[in-house]
Amino acid sequence: MSGARHLYVHLPFCAARCGYCDFVTVVGREGRHGEYVDALIAELELERGALSGRLETVFLGGGTPTFTEAGALRRLLQALPDCEELTVEANPETVTADLASLLAAEGVTRVSLGAQSFQPHLLETLERRASPDVVRHAFHHLRGANFDNISLDLIYGIPGQSTIDLDRDIDEALALAPEHLSWYELEAKPGTRFTHAYGDELARQAEEMEDYFERVVDRMTGAGYRWYETANFCLTPARHGDRDLRSRHNLGYWLGRDYLGLGIGAVSTVGAHRWRNTPRLGVYLEALANGQHPLRELEDLPAEVKREERVMLGLRLDEGVPLADTIGVIDAHALDRLVAVDLVHVSPANGAPLALVLTGRGRRLGDGVTAELLA
């Protein structure tokens, strides 16, 4: 079957822009939500030929997709192609019982809830609008609408966050028992308000983050979650029947599969090409209103670049990368050194192809080990 089987749809609208955010977002503009959805649907029709006849995943990200005006959001969900996993990102303050019911009625199968923290002083530092109670209420609204695949996004390394704060966040998250958890280290992104205000503090605490990361991994795995990707955890089959609760959409990225992106700032990788749509809302809307493709930056993807990306992203996974896919990409001498110090191993066959896998210690060092491996 040819064509991309993964579709990303960018909904950029937010009530406010958080100081640490460097995504393509647009504050407010409620009067243009419907117009933007019209443009997304038009772009989808123009790009149908890049998609497979049957999609594996569709992911609505942002921005805050659930801030989008309800009628426009419903119309978009109804226009999307059928797929096996349909994920919508949500900020807690936007999740009401009615919104949860709308998502369920329109075929959403998975919701990724941006909790970030359950500590009021940390939420204030992050400029988040939701209180801890609002986060919990949002989660329960989704459960009330019979969602049985909910992911929580949380952040560690927030200025002023103590290990006690981190433990409390872990306790709160585990008490809700979501099917999936993502734990991201806060980064000082260039040009953001947050970096201007806290950049020096984030740089000073960088060494402590290894301990914070260890704490997250140990607590998650101890609670029965599979550490399947560097920052991502899902309930194991023993805890949740025989379901595979990994994010299938993000797995598509990590496994090097083709994907199509719609909306401002969205990236697509299809075959030997990658392109990024204009981040400018007015330019995007005008092009689609005239039946034209939006302005985009196009880049060729040589086969060797795709192979390197496949290894770099695949080593973030607990299953590693098939050994055959690493030929000509990794440094054989570096591999020998890293095997000798128990940072990398080649998995036994057991009837499956051999795979190059980072050990538990190697995964905790992550990007440094991968950088040394790449030729």
Protein backbone atom coordinates (compact mmCIF):
# COMPACT_ATOMS: atom_id res chain seq x y z
CA MET A 1 0.00 0.00 0.00
CA SER A 2 1.57 3.29 -1.07
CA GLY A 3 1.20 6.71 0.51
CA ALA A 4 1.61 8.10 4.02
CA ARG A 5 -0.41 6.31 6.70
CA HIS A 6 0.09 9.01 9.36
CA LEU A 7 -1.58 12.43 9.26
CA TYR A 8 -0.80 15.40 11.53
CA VAL A 9 -3.22 18.35 11.68
CA HIS A 10 -2.09 21.58 13.33
CA LEU A 11 -4.65 23.70 15.19
CA PRO A 12 -2.66 26.72 16.37
CA PHE A 13 -5.19 28.65 18.43
CA CYS A 14 -4.57 29.20 22.16
CA ALA A 15 -6.16 31.37 24.85
CA ALA A 16 -2.65 32.64 25.74
CA ARG A 17 0.93 31.81 24.82
CA CYS A 18 2.96 30.12 27.58
CA GLY A 19 6.37 31.68 28.11
CA TYR A 20 8.30 28.46 27.37
CA CYS A 21 6.43 27.64 24.14
CA ASP A 22 8.15 27.89 20.75
CA PHE A 23 5.47 26.14 18.70
CA VAL A 24 3.52 27.89 15.92
CA THR A 25 0.59 29.33 17.86
CA VAL A 26 -1.99 32.08 17.44
CA VAL A 27 -3.64 33.72 20.46
CA GLY A 28 -7.42 34.07 20.35
CA ARG A 29 -8.73 34.85 16.84
CA GLU A 30 -12.01 33.05 17.60
CA GLY A 31 -13.56 34.73 14.58
CA ARG A 32 -11.12 32.93 12.27
CA HIS A 33 -11.43 29.39 13.63
CA GLY A 34 -14.04 28.40 11.06
CA GLU A 35 -12.07 29.96 8.23
CA TYR A 36 -8.96 28.06 9.32
CA VAL A 37 -10.84 24.76 9.42
CA ASP A 38 -12.11 25.47 5.90
CA ALA A 39 -8.46 25.90 4.84
CA LEU A 40 -7.41 22.65 6.55
CA ILE A 41 -10.14 20.72 4.76
CA ALA A 42 -9.14 22.32 1.45
CA GLU A 43 -5.50 21.42 2.02
CA LEU A 44 -6.51 17.85 2.88
CA GLU A 45 -8.30 17.56 -0.47
CA LEU A 46 -5.26 18.93 -2.33
CA GLU A 47 -2.98 16.40 -0.60
CA ARG A 48 -5.18 13.27 -0.81
CA GLY A 49 -2.76 11.73 -3.28
CA ALA A 50 0.02 11.70 -0.67
CA LEU A 51 -2.06 9.57 1.70
CA SER A 52 -2.67 5.87 1.81
CA GLY A 53 -6.20 4.61 1.24
CA ARG A 54 -6.39 3.58 4.90
CA LEU A 55 -4.65 5.62 7.59
CA GLU A 56 -3.11 4.19 10.71
CA THR A 57 -3.15 7.41 12.75
CA VAL A 58 -4.39 10.99 12.76
CA PHE A 59 -3.10 13.44 15.38
CA LEU A 60 -4.57 16.89 16.09
CA GLY A 61 -1.87 18.98 17.76
CA GLY A 62 -1.30 22.61 18.49
CA GLY A 63 -1.61 25.12 19.85
CA THR A 64 -4.63 23.96 21.79
CA PRO A 65 -6.89 21.96 19.47
CA THR A 66 -9.67 21.92 22.07
CA PHE A 67 -9.65 25.75 22.23
CA THR A 68 -10.91 25.71 18.64
CA GLU A 69 -14.57 26.78 18.43
CA ALA A 70 -16.70 23.67 19.01
CA GLY A 71 -18.63 23.79 15.75
CA ALA A 72 -15.47 24.20 13.70
CA LEU A 73 -13.73 21.40 15.62
CA ARG A 74 -16.69 19.07 15.02
CA ARG A 75 -16.69 19.88 11.31
CA LEU A 76 -12.98 19.13 11.06
CA LEU A 77 -13.28 15.81 12.89
CA GLN A 78 -16.10 14.79 10.55
CA ALA A 79 -13.99 15.63 7.49
CA LEU A 80 -10.95 13.58 8.53
CA PRO A 81 -10.20 10.24 6.86
CA ASP A 82 -10.93 7.06 8.80
CA CYS A 83 -8.02 5.80 10.85
CA GLU A 84 -7.15 3.28 13.54
CA GLU A 85 -5.99 5.82 16.17
CA LEU A 86 -7.31 9.40 16.35
CA THR A 87 -5.57 11.53 18.99
CA VAL A 88 -6.47 15.06 20.07
CA GLU A 89 -4.27 17.21 22.30
CA ALA A 90 -6.12 19.16 25.00
CA ASN A 91 -5.37 21.74 27.65
CA PRO A 92 -7.22 20.94 30.89
CA GLU A 93 -9.09 24.27 31.16
CA THR A 94 -10.79 23.60 27.81
CA VAL A 95 -12.09 20.14 28.74
CA THR A 96 -15.71 20.23 29.86
CA ALA A 97 -18.17 17.36 29.93
CA ASP A 98 -19.65 18.68 26.68
CA LEU A 99 -16.25 18.87 24.99
CA ALA A 100 -15.39 15.32 26.10
CA SER A 101 -18.73 14.10 24.71
CA LEU A 102 -18.10 15.91 21.41
CA LEU A 103 -14.70 14.22 21.01
CA ALA A 104 -16.12 10.80 21.80
CA ALA A 105 -19.09 11.25 19.45
CA GLU A 106 -16.81 12.23 16.56
CA GLY A 107 -14.60 9.16 16.79
CA VAL A 108 -11.62 10.38 18.82
CA THR A 109 -9.97 7.33 20.39
CA ARG A 110 -7.15 8.93 22.39
CA VAL A 111 -6.67 12.25 24.21
CA SER A 112 -3.32 13.75 25.24
CA LEU A 113 -3.90 16.06 28.20
CA GLY A 114 -1.30 18.75 28.88
CA ALA A 115 -1.17 18.66 32.67
CA GLN A 116 2.52 19.76 32.97
CA SER A 117 2.39 19.75 36.80
CA PHE A 118 0.01 19.41 39.76
CA GLN A 119 1.88 21.96 41.92
CA PRO A 120 0.27 25.44 41.94
CA HIS A 121 3.56 27.35 42.22
CA LEU A 122 5.05 25.42 39.28
CA LEU A 123 1.96 25.93 37.14
CA GLU A 124 2.29 29.66 37.88
CA THR A 125 5.96 29.60 36.82
CA LEU A 126 4.95 27.87 33.57
CA GLU A 127 2.16 30.45 33.03
CA ARG A 128 -0.41 27.67 32.83
CA ARG A 129 -4.06 28.57 33.30
CA ALA A 130 -5.28 25.30 34.79
CA SER A 131 -5.14 24.66 38.53
CA PRO A 132 -4.44 21.12 39.83
CA ASP A 133 -8.18 20.65 40.43
CA VAL A 134 -8.94 21.69 36.85
CA VAL A 135 -6.41 19.12 35.59
CA ARG A 136 -8.08 16.39 37.63
CA HIS A 137 -11.59 17.47 36.59
CA ALA A 138 -10.56 17.42 32.93
CA PHE A 139 -9.26 13.89 33.30
CA HIS A 140 -12.48 12.74 34.95
CA HIS A 141 -14.61 14.43 32.25
CA LEU A 142 -12.74 12.31 29.69
CA ARG A 143 -13.24 9.16 31.73
CA GLY A 144 -16.91 10.09 32.05
CA ALA A 145 -17.11 10.14 28.23
CA ASN A 146 -15.68 6.58 28.25
CA PHE A 147 -12.18 7.42 27.03
CA ASP A 148 -10.00 4.44 27.87
CA ASN A 149 -6.78 5.74 26.30
CA ILE A 150 -5.67 8.97 27.97
CA SER A 151 -2.14 10.33 28.02
CA LEU A 152 -0.83 12.89 30.49
CA ASP A 153 2.00 15.25 29.52
CA LEU A 154 4.19 16.41 32.42
CA ILE A 155 7.36 18.48 32.73
CA TYR A 156 10.34 18.16 35.06
CA GLY A 157 13.19 20.61 35.54
CA ILE A 158 10.90 23.59 36.17
CA PRO A 159 12.69 26.46 37.97
CA GLY A 160 11.94 26.12 41.68
CA GLN A 161 10.95 22.43 41.39
CA SER A 162 12.31 20.33 44.24
CA THR A 163 12.56 16.56 44.33
CA ILE A 164 9.60 16.65 46.72
CA ASP A 165 7.61 18.55 44.08
CA LEU A 166 8.59 15.95 41.48
CA ASP A 167 7.57 13.08 43.72
CA ARG A 168 4.23 14.76 44.36
CA ASP A 169 3.65 15.18 40.62
CA ILE A 170 4.45 11.51 40.07
CA ASP A 171 2.09 10.52 42.89
CA GLU A 172 -0.72 12.67 41.45
CA ALA A 173 -0.23 11.31 37.94
CA LEU A 174 -0.16 7.69 39.07
CA ALA A 175 -3.28 8.20 41.20
CA LEU A 176 -5.21 9.02 38.02
CA ALA A 177 -3.88 5.82 36.36
CA PRO A 178 -3.68 7.11 32.78
CA GLU A 179 -2.86 4.59 30.07
CA HIS A 180 0.11 6.69 28.90
CA LEU A 181 2.48 9.26 30.40
CA SER A 182 4.98 11.59 28.72
CA TRP A 183 7.66 13.23 30.88
CA TYR A 184 9.63 16.04 29.21
CA GLU A 185 12.61 17.92 30.56
CA LEU A 186 11.95 21.65 30.33
CA GLU A 187 14.16 23.21 27.68
CA ALA A 188 15.27 26.81 27.35
CA LYS A 189 14.19 27.46 23.77
CA PRO A 190 15.97 30.45 22.15
CA GLY A 191 13.85 33.55 21.83
CA THR A 192 11.15 32.58 24.35
CA ARG A 193 10.17 34.74 27.34
CA PHE A 194 10.99 31.81 29.56
CA THR A 195 14.60 31.59 28.39
CA HIS A 196 15.02 35.31 28.98
CA ALA A 197 13.69 34.99 32.53
CA TYR A 198 15.08 31.61 33.59
CA GLY A 199 17.81 30.63 31.12
CA ASP A 200 20.67 31.01 33.59
CA GLU A 201 18.83 28.99 36.25
CA LEU A 202 18.03 26.20 33.80
CA ALA A 203 21.69 26.04 32.78
CA ARG A 204 22.80 25.82 36.44
CA GLN A 205 20.45 22.96 37.26
CA ALA A 206 21.27 20.89 34.15
CA GLU A 207 23.36 18.32 36.07
CA GLU A 208 20.54 17.73 38.56
CA MET A 209 18.25 16.71 35.71
CA GLU A 210 19.94 13.32 35.38
CA ASP A 211 18.76 12.55 38.92
CA TYR A 212 15.27 13.84 38.14
CA PHE A 213 15.12 11.68 35.01
CA GLU A 214 16.27 8.61 36.98
CA ARG A 215 13.55 9.31 39.52
CA VAL A 216 10.87 9.48 36.83
CA VAL A 217 12.03 6.27 35.11
CA ASP A 218 12.30 4.31 38.36
CA ARG A 219 8.87 5.39 39.59
CA MET A 220 7.13 4.79 36.26
CA THR A 221 8.60 1.35 35.66
CA GLY A 222 8.00 0.42 39.30
CA ALA A 223 4.32 1.27 38.84
CA GLY A 224 3.95 -1.10 35.87
CA TYR A 225 4.54 1.31 32.98
CA ARG A 226 6.69 0.32 30.03
CA TRP A 227 9.50 2.77 29.32
CA TYR A 228 9.13 2.34 25.59
CA GLU A 229 10.69 5.63 24.42
CA THR A 230 13.07 8.06 26.08
CA ALA A 231 10.32 10.35 27.41
CA ASN A 232 7.27 8.07 27.11
CA PHE A 233 5.65 5.36 29.21
CA CYS A 234 2.57 3.20 28.73
CA LEU A 235 0.80 0.58 30.80
CA THR A 236 2.11 -2.89 30.10
CA PRO A 237 -0.17 -5.67 28.79
CA ALA A 238 -0.03 -7.27 32.25
CA ARG A 239 -1.70 -4.15 33.62
CA HIS A 240 -4.11 -3.55 30.75
CA GLY A 241 -5.02 -6.75 28.93
CA ASP A 242 -3.32 -7.32 25.59
CA ARG A 243 -3.59 -3.72 24.27
CA ASP A 244 -0.54 -1.95 22.91
CA LEU A 245 -0.88 1.48 24.50
CA ARG A 246 2.12 3.15 22.90
CA SER A 247 1.39 6.30 20.91
CA ARG A 248 1.06 4.81 17.45
CA HIS A 249 1.30 8.22 15.80
CA ASN A 250 4.58 9.13 17.46
CA LEU A 251 5.87 5.63 16.78
CA GLY A 252 5.43 6.47 13.11
CA TYR A 253 7.95 9.30 13.52
CA TRP A 254 10.40 7.23 15.55
CA LEU A 255 10.22 4.36 13.06
CA GLY A 256 10.95 6.66 10.13
CA ARG A 257 7.60 6.30 8.38
CA ASP A 258 6.12 8.82 5.96
CA TYR A 259 3.66 11.35 7.37
CA LEU A 260 1.65 14.26 6.02
CA GLY A 261 1.19 17.51 7.97
CA LEU A 262 -1.62 20.01 7.44
CA GLY A 263 -1.90 23.56 8.76
CA ILE A 264 0.43 26.46 9.48
CA GLY A 265 3.96 25.42 10.36
CA ALA A 266 3.15 21.72 9.78
CA VAL A 267 5.94 19.47 8.53
CA SER A 268 5.54 16.56 6.08
CA THR A 269 7.98 13.81 5.15
CA VAL A 270 6.89 11.78 2.14
CA GLY A 271 9.34 9.71 0.12
CA ALA A 272 12.53 11.65 -0.63
CA HIS A 273 11.04 15.04 0.30
CA ARG A 274 10.29 17.05 3.42
CA TRP A 275 8.39 20.31 3.48
CA ARG A 276 7.20 22.82 6.04
CA ASN A 277 4.14 25.00 5.57
CA THR A 278 4.33 28.73 6.12
CA PRO A 279 3.79 29.69 9.78
CA ARG A 280 1.91 32.86 8.73
CA LEU A 281 -1.83 32.50 9.25
CA GLY A 282 -2.94 35.13 6.70
CA VAL A 283 -0.68 33.79 3.94
CA TYR A 284 -1.89 30.23 4.59
CA LEU A 285 -5.58 31.18 4.56
CA GLU A 286 -5.28 33.24 1.38
CA ALA A 287 -3.57 30.45 -0.56
CA LEU A 288 -6.13 27.80 0.36
CA ALA A 289 -9.06 30.17 -0.26
CA ASN A 290 -7.70 30.47 -3.82
CA GLY A 291 -7.39 26.71 -4.25
CA GLN A 292 -3.59 26.79 -4.07
CA HIS A 293 -1.06 24.91 -1.96
CA PRO A 294 0.22 27.03 0.94
CA LEU A 295 3.66 28.56 0.70
CA ARG A 296 6.20 25.99 1.90
CA GLU A 297 9.89 25.31 2.36
CA LEU A 298 10.92 22.17 0.49
CA GLU A 299 13.98 20.05 1.19
CA ASP A 300 15.26 16.92 -0.49
CA LEU A 301 15.96 13.95 1.76
CA PRO A 302 18.85 11.82 0.48
CA ALA A 303 18.67 8.15 1.39
CA GLU A 304 21.67 8.45 3.71
CA VAL A 305 19.97 11.24 5.69
CA LYS A 306 16.85 9.13 6.10
CA ARG A 307 18.93 6.16 7.29
CA GLU A 308 20.73 8.33 9.84
CA GLU A 309 17.46 9.76 11.13
CA ARG A 310 16.02 6.25 11.36
CA VAL A 311 18.89 5.16 13.62
CA MET A 312 18.95 8.37 15.68
CA LEU A 313 15.20 8.24 16.41
CA GLY A 314 14.93 4.45 16.61
CA LEU A 315 17.54 4.23 19.36
CA ARG A 316 15.15 6.21 21.56
CA LEU A 317 12.92 3.10 21.61
CA ASP A 318 13.29 0.17 23.98
CA GLU A 319 13.19 -2.19 20.99
CA GLY A 320 16.09 -0.41 19.28
CA VAL A 321 16.84 -0.49 15.56
CA PRO A 322 17.19 -3.55 13.30
CA LEU A 323 20.89 -4.17 12.89
CA ALA A 324 20.50 -4.25 9.10
CA ASP A 325 19.27 -0.63 9.18
CA THR A 326 22.45 0.57 10.90
CA ILE A 327 24.91 -0.58 8.21
CA GLY A 328 26.90 2.39 6.91
CA VAL A 329 25.37 4.67 9.54
CA ILE A 330 27.16 3.79 12.77
CA ASP A 331 30.85 3.77 13.64
CA ALA A 332 31.90 0.13 14.14
CA HIS A 333 34.76 1.06 16.47
CA ALA A 334 32.46 3.22 18.59
CA LEU A 335 29.99 0.34 18.73
CA ASP A 336 32.67 -2.00 20.07
CA ARG A 337 33.65 0.54 22.75
CA LEU A 338 30.07 1.14 23.82
CA VAL A 339 29.27 -2.58 23.97
CA ALA A 340 32.37 -3.11 26.14
CA VAL A 341 31.15 -0.56 28.71
CA ASP A 342 27.56 -1.88 28.68
CA LEU A 343 25.89 1.11 27.02
CA VAL A 344 24.78 -0.74 23.87
CA HIS A 345 24.05 -4.36 23.04
CA VAL A 346 22.90 -6.41 20.07
CA SER A 347 19.72 -8.20 21.03
CA PRO A 348 19.53 -11.97 20.60
CA ALA A 349 17.61 -13.12 17.58
CA ASN A 350 14.84 -15.25 19.15
CA GLY A 351 13.45 -15.74 15.67
CA ALA A 352 13.42 -11.98 14.96
CA PRO A 353 16.06 -9.89 13.17
CA LEU A 354 18.99 -8.77 15.31
CA ALA A 355 18.56 -5.27 16.72
CA LEU A 356 20.90 -2.63 18.08
CA VAL A 357 19.55 -1.54 21.48
CA LEU A 358 20.73 0.88 24.15
CA THR A 359 21.03 -0.73 27.57
CA GLY A 360 19.15 0.77 30.50
CA ARG A 361 22.28 2.73 31.42
CA GLY A 362 22.77 3.75 27.80
CA ARG A 363 19.18 4.99 27.54
CA ARG A 364 19.68 7.18 30.59
CA LEU A 365 22.64 8.82 28.82
CA GLY A 366 20.58 8.89 25.62
CA ASP A 367 21.66 11.43 23.04
CA GLY A 368 25.33 11.30 24.07
CA VAL A 369 25.55 7.58 23.34
CA THR A 370 23.70 7.96 20.03
CA ALA A 371 25.97 10.82 18.94
CA GLU A 372 29.04 8.67 19.60
CA LEU A 373 27.56 5.80 17.60
CA LEU A 374 26.77 7.78 14.48
CA ALA A 375 29.58 7.66 11.92
